[in-house]
Structure formats: C-alpha cells, structure tokens
Amino acid sequence: MIVSYDEYQIFKTSLIANRMHSESLHGRLPATYHLPATLR
C-alpha cells in the first residue's frame, strides 16, 4: 500500500489521539464501556 506523506501524518496523528483518548478513559469508566455496544 502506498500512501502520501500527508495521509501518513493524518493517520499517525489520529492513532495517537485515539490512544490518548482511550487511556484518559481508563479507570474512570467501567470496563464494559470499552466493549462494542453489541456485546454490552
């Protein structure tokens, strides 16, 4: 797969943002919150 540099930067930034967001939720919400809605 070939992606442009801009696409790569956006992808990397979104990954970091998602990880930071999920880490900020840990400990403050029950574990079931992280499961897909269909599994709750």
PDB file of N, CA and C in Angstrom:
ATOM      1  N   MET A   1       0.847  -1.199   0.000  1.00  0.00           N
ATOM      2  CA  MET A   1       0.000   0.000   0.000  1.00  0.00           C
ATOM      3  C   MET A   1       0.879   1.244   0.000  1.00  0.00           C
ATOM      4  N   ILE A   2       0.568   2.139  -0.893  1.00  0.00           N
ATOM      5  CA  ILE A   2       1.328   3.386  -0.987  1.00  0.00           C
ATOM      6  C   ILE A   2       0.418   4.539  -0.571  1.00  0.00           C
ATOM      7  N   VAL A   3       0.893   5.316   0.390  1.00  0.00           N
ATOM      8  CA  VAL A   3       0.127   6.484   0.822  1.00  0.00           C
ATOM      9  C   VAL A   3       1.014   7.705   0.729  1.00  0.00           C
ATOM     10  N   SER A   4       0.389   8.844   0.571  1.00  0.00           N
ATOM     11  CA  SER A   4       1.161  10.080   0.530  1.00  0.00           C
ATOM     12  C   SER A   4       1.643  10.425   1.931  1.00  0.00           C
ATOM     13  N   TYR A   5       2.611  11.319   1.996  1.00  0.00           N
ATOM     14  CA  TYR A   5       3.152  11.710   3.294  1.00  0.00           C
ATOM     15  C   TYR A   5       2.069  12.361   4.150  1.00  0.00           C
ATOM     16  N   ASP A   6       1.233  13.193   3.535  1.00  0.00           N
ATOM     17  CA  ASP A   6       0.166  13.854   4.288  1.00  0.00           C
ATOM     18  C   ASP A   6      -0.805  12.838   4.868  1.00  0.00           C
ATOM     19  N   GLU A   7      -1.162  11.847   4.072  1.00  0.00           N
ATOM     20  CA  GLU A   7      -2.080  10.822   4.556  1.00  0.00           C
ATOM     21  C   GLU A   7      -1.471  10.064   5.728  1.00  0.00           C
ATOM     22  N   TYR A   8      -0.174   9.791   5.636  1.00  0.00           N
ATOM     23  CA  TYR A   8       0.504   9.081   6.719  1.00  0.00           C
ATOM     24  C   TYR A   8       0.494   9.907   7.997  1.00  0.00           C
ATOM     25  N   GLN A   9       0.764  11.206   7.880  1.00  0.00           N
ATOM     26  CA  GLN A   9       0.783  12.081   9.056  1.00  0.00           C
ATOM     27  C   GLN A   9      -0.603  12.137   9.710  1.00  0.00           C
ATOM     28  N   ILE A  10      -1.639  12.234   8.900  1.00  0.00           N
ATOM     29  CA  ILE A  10      -3.003  12.272   9.430  1.00  0.00           C
ATOM     30  C   ILE A  10      -3.324  10.959  10.132  1.00  0.00           C
ATOM     31  N   PHE A  11      -2.939   9.845   9.507  1.00  0.00           N
ATOM     32  CA  PHE A  11      -3.196   8.533  10.090  1.00  0.00           C
ATOM     33  C   PHE A  11      -2.479   8.390  11.419  1.00  0.00           C
ATOM     34  N   LYS A  12      -1.202   8.766  11.460  1.00  0.00           N
ATOM     35  CA  LYS A  12      -0.416   8.647  12.687  1.00  0.00           C
ATOM     36  C   LYS A  12      -0.989   9.541  13.783  1.00  0.00           C
ATOM     37  N   THR A  13      -1.382  10.746  13.407  1.00  0.00           N
ATOM     38  CA  THR A  13      -1.951  11.671  14.388  1.00  0.00           C
ATOM     39  C   THR A  13      -3.248  11.122  14.967  1.00  0.00           C
ATOM     40  N   SER A  14      -4.086  10.539  14.106  1.00  0.00           N
ATOM     41  CA  SER A  14      -5.356  10.009  14.586  1.00  0.00           C
ATOM     42  C   SER A  14      -5.135   8.810  15.500  1.00  0.00           C
ATOM     43  N   LEU A  15      -4.124   7.983  15.200  1.00  0.00           N
ATOM     44  CA  LEU A  15      -3.821   6.855  16.072  1.00  0.00           C
ATOM     45  C   LEU A  15      -3.409   7.338  17.451  1.00  0.00           C
ATOM     46  N   ILE A  16      -2.533   8.330  17.496  1.00  0.00           N
ATOM     47  CA  ILE A  16      -2.067   8.865  18.771  1.00  0.00           C
ATOM     48  C   ILE A  16      -3.238   9.470  19.541  1.00  0.00           C
ATOM     49  N   ALA A  17      -4.087  10.208  18.851  1.00  0.00           N
ATOM     50  CA  ALA A  17      -5.230  10.840  19.510  1.00  0.00           C
ATOM     51  C   ALA A  17      -6.178   9.786  20.070  1.00  0.00           C
ATOM     52  N   ASN A  18      -6.430   8.722  19.301  1.00  0.00           N
ATOM     53  CA  ASN A  18      -7.316   7.663  19.774  1.00  0.00           C
ATOM     54  C   ASN A  18      -6.739   6.981  21.002  1.00  0.00           C
ATOM     55  N   ARG A  19      -5.419   6.730  20.999  1.00  0.00           N
ATOM     56  CA  ARG A  19      -4.789   6.056  22.128  1.00  0.00           C
ATOM     57  C   ARG A  19      -4.840   6.935  23.374  1.00  0.00           C
ATOM     58  N   MET A  20      -4.553   8.217  23.208  1.00  0.00           N
ATOM     59  CA  MET A  20      -4.595   9.127  24.346  1.00  0.00           C
ATOM     60  C   MET A  20      -6.012   9.225  24.892  1.00  0.00           C
ATOM     61  N   HIS A  21      -6.985   9.252  24.003  1.00  0.00           N
ATOM     62  CA  HIS A  21      -8.379   9.353  24.424  1.00  0.00           C
ATOM     63  C   HIS A  21      -8.784   8.113  25.214  1.00  0.00           C
ATOM     64  N   SER A  22      -8.439   6.933  24.729  1.00  0.00           N
ATOM     65  CA  SER A  22      -8.823   5.701  25.416  1.00  0.00           C
ATOM     66  C   SER A  22      -8.107   5.586  26.758  1.00  0.00           C
ATOM     67  N   GLU A  23      -6.839   6.016  26.810  1.00  0.00           N
ATOM     68  CA  GLU A  23      -6.109   5.953  28.073  1.00  0.00           C
ATOM     69  C   GLU A  23      -6.714   6.907  29.095  1.00  0.00           C
ATOM     70  N   SER A  24      -7.218   8.046  28.638  1.00  0.00           N
ATOM     71  CA  SER A  24      -7.809   9.015  29.562  1.00  0.00           C
ATOM     72  C   SER A  24      -9.115   8.482  30.148  1.00  0.00           C
ATOM     73  N   LEU A  25      -9.742   7.530  29.463  1.00  0.00           N
ATOM     74  CA  LEU A  25     -10.998   6.966  29.947  1.00  0.00           C
ATOM     75  C   LEU A  25     -10.769   5.839  30.945  1.00  0.00           C
ATOM     76  N   HIS A  26      -9.619   5.184  30.882  1.00  0.00           N
ATOM     77  CA  HIS A  26      -9.352   4.041  31.760  1.00  0.00           C
ATOM     78  C   HIS A  26      -9.389   4.460  33.222  1.00  0.00           C
ATOM     79  N   GLY A  27      -9.996   3.627  34.039  1.00  0.00           N
ATOM     80  CA  GLY A  27     -10.034   3.885  35.472  1.00  0.00           C
ATOM     81  C   GLY A  27     -11.207   4.743  35.894  1.00  0.00           C
ATOM     82  N   ARG A  28     -11.780   5.491  34.965  1.00  0.00           N
ATOM     83  CA  ARG A  28     -12.903   6.358  35.316  1.00  0.00           C
ATOM     84  C   ARG A  28     -14.235   5.769  34.862  1.00  0.00           C
ATOM     85  N   LEU A  29     -14.170   4.792  33.976  1.00  0.00           N
ATOM     86  CA  LEU A  29     -15.386   4.177  33.473  1.00  0.00           C
ATOM     87  C   LEU A  29     -15.273   2.664  33.616  1.00  0.00           C
ATOM     88  N   PRO A  30     -16.393   1.976  33.764  1.00  0.00           N
ATOM     89  CA  PRO A  30     -16.357   0.517  33.852  1.00  0.00           C
ATOM     90  C   PRO A  30     -15.794  -0.095  32.569  1.00  0.00           C
ATOM     91  N   ALA A  31     -15.210  -1.262  32.696  1.00  0.00           N
ATOM     92  CA  ALA A  31     -14.570  -1.915  31.552  1.00  0.00           C
ATOM     93  C   ALA A  31     -15.562  -2.167  30.421  1.00  0.00           C
ATOM     94  N   THR A  32     -16.825  -2.364  30.759  1.00  0.00           N
ATOM     95  CA  THR A  32     -17.819  -2.665  29.728  1.00  0.00           C
ATOM     96  C   THR A  32     -18.002  -1.500  28.775  1.00  0.00           C
ATOM     97  N   TYR A  33     -17.630  -0.303  29.201  1.00  0.00           N
ATOM     98  CA  TYR A  33     -17.771   0.856  28.320  1.00  0.00           C
ATOM     99  C   TYR A  33     -16.928   0.700  27.064  1.00  0.00           C
ATOM    100  N   HIS A  34     -15.803  -0.022  27.181  1.00  0.00           N
ATOM    101  CA  HIS A  34     -14.882  -0.159  26.055  1.00  0.00           C
ATOM    102  C   HIS A  34     -15.306  -1.258  25.081  1.00  0.00           C
ATOM    103  N   LEU A  35     -16.311  -2.036  25.458  1.00  0.00           N
ATOM    104  CA  LEU A  35     -16.780  -3.082  24.561  1.00  0.00           C
ATOM    105  C   LEU A  35     -17.727  -2.492  23.526  1.00  0.00           C
ATOM    106  N   PRO A  36     -17.779  -3.115  22.346  1.00  0.00           N
ATOM    107  CA  PRO A  36     -18.761  -2.680  21.349  1.00  0.00           C
ATOM    108  C   PRO A  36     -20.170  -2.765  21.927  1.00  0.00           C
ATOM    109  N   ALA A  37     -21.042  -1.915  21.467  1.00  0.00           N
ATOM    110  CA  ALA A  37     -22.399  -1.857  22.012  1.00  0.00           C
ATOM    111  C   ALA A  37     -23.116  -3.201  21.913  1.00  0.00           C
ATOM    112  N   THR A  38     -22.783  -3.980  20.900  1.00  0.00           N
ATOM    113  CA  THR A  38     -23.471  -5.258  20.704  1.00  0.00           C
ATOM    114  C   THR A  38     -23.088  -6.271  21.772  1.00  0.00           C
ATOM    115  N   LEU A  39     -21.976  -6.051  22.474  1.00  0.00           N
ATOM    116  CA  LEU A  39     -21.530  -7.007  23.487  1.00  0.00           C
ATOM    117  C   LEU A  39     -21.955  -6.602  24.893  1.00  0.00           C
ATOM    118  N   ARG A  40     -22.516  -5.420  25.040  1.00  0.00           N
ATOM    119  CA  ARG A  40     -22.900  -4.974  26.379  1.00  0.00           C
ATOM    120  C   ARG A  40     -24.130  -5.723  26.874  1.00  0.00           C
TER     121      ARG A  40
END
